[in-house]
Amino acid sequence: RALAVSSPKRLDALPDLPTVAEAGYKNFEADQWYGVVAPAGTPRDIVLKLNQQINLALNSAELKKRLTTEGAVATPETPEAFGKLIAQEIDRWRPVITSGRVKAD
């Protein structure tokens, strides 16, 4: 049986399942996320067009429903907001990786 979700908010698919923080472990958050990136130097107009089309898909009722059944939440973003998230995640996890001497194979 599930005890809690590690996201900061409850999932729509499991509204009665508390978050880890609600279960008593304050400041606990371990989200997973997915995104689409382009090579450095990709022209801005191409990045914006990709972003626009991806956000259209993420805002569609059909995809939202499918993601909800998978326990995922669509979060359409701007390229700048997504870049900020990546930078925050690097800052957040760098000390963990460094102190644990984690190495990619």
Foldseek 3Di string as FASTA:
>chain_A
DDAADQAPADAPLCNPHHHVVVVPDPPGHDDDDDDDDDDPPDDPVVLQVVLVVVVVVLPDPVVQVVQSVVRHHRDRDHPVVVVVVVVVVCVVCVVVCVVVVDDDD
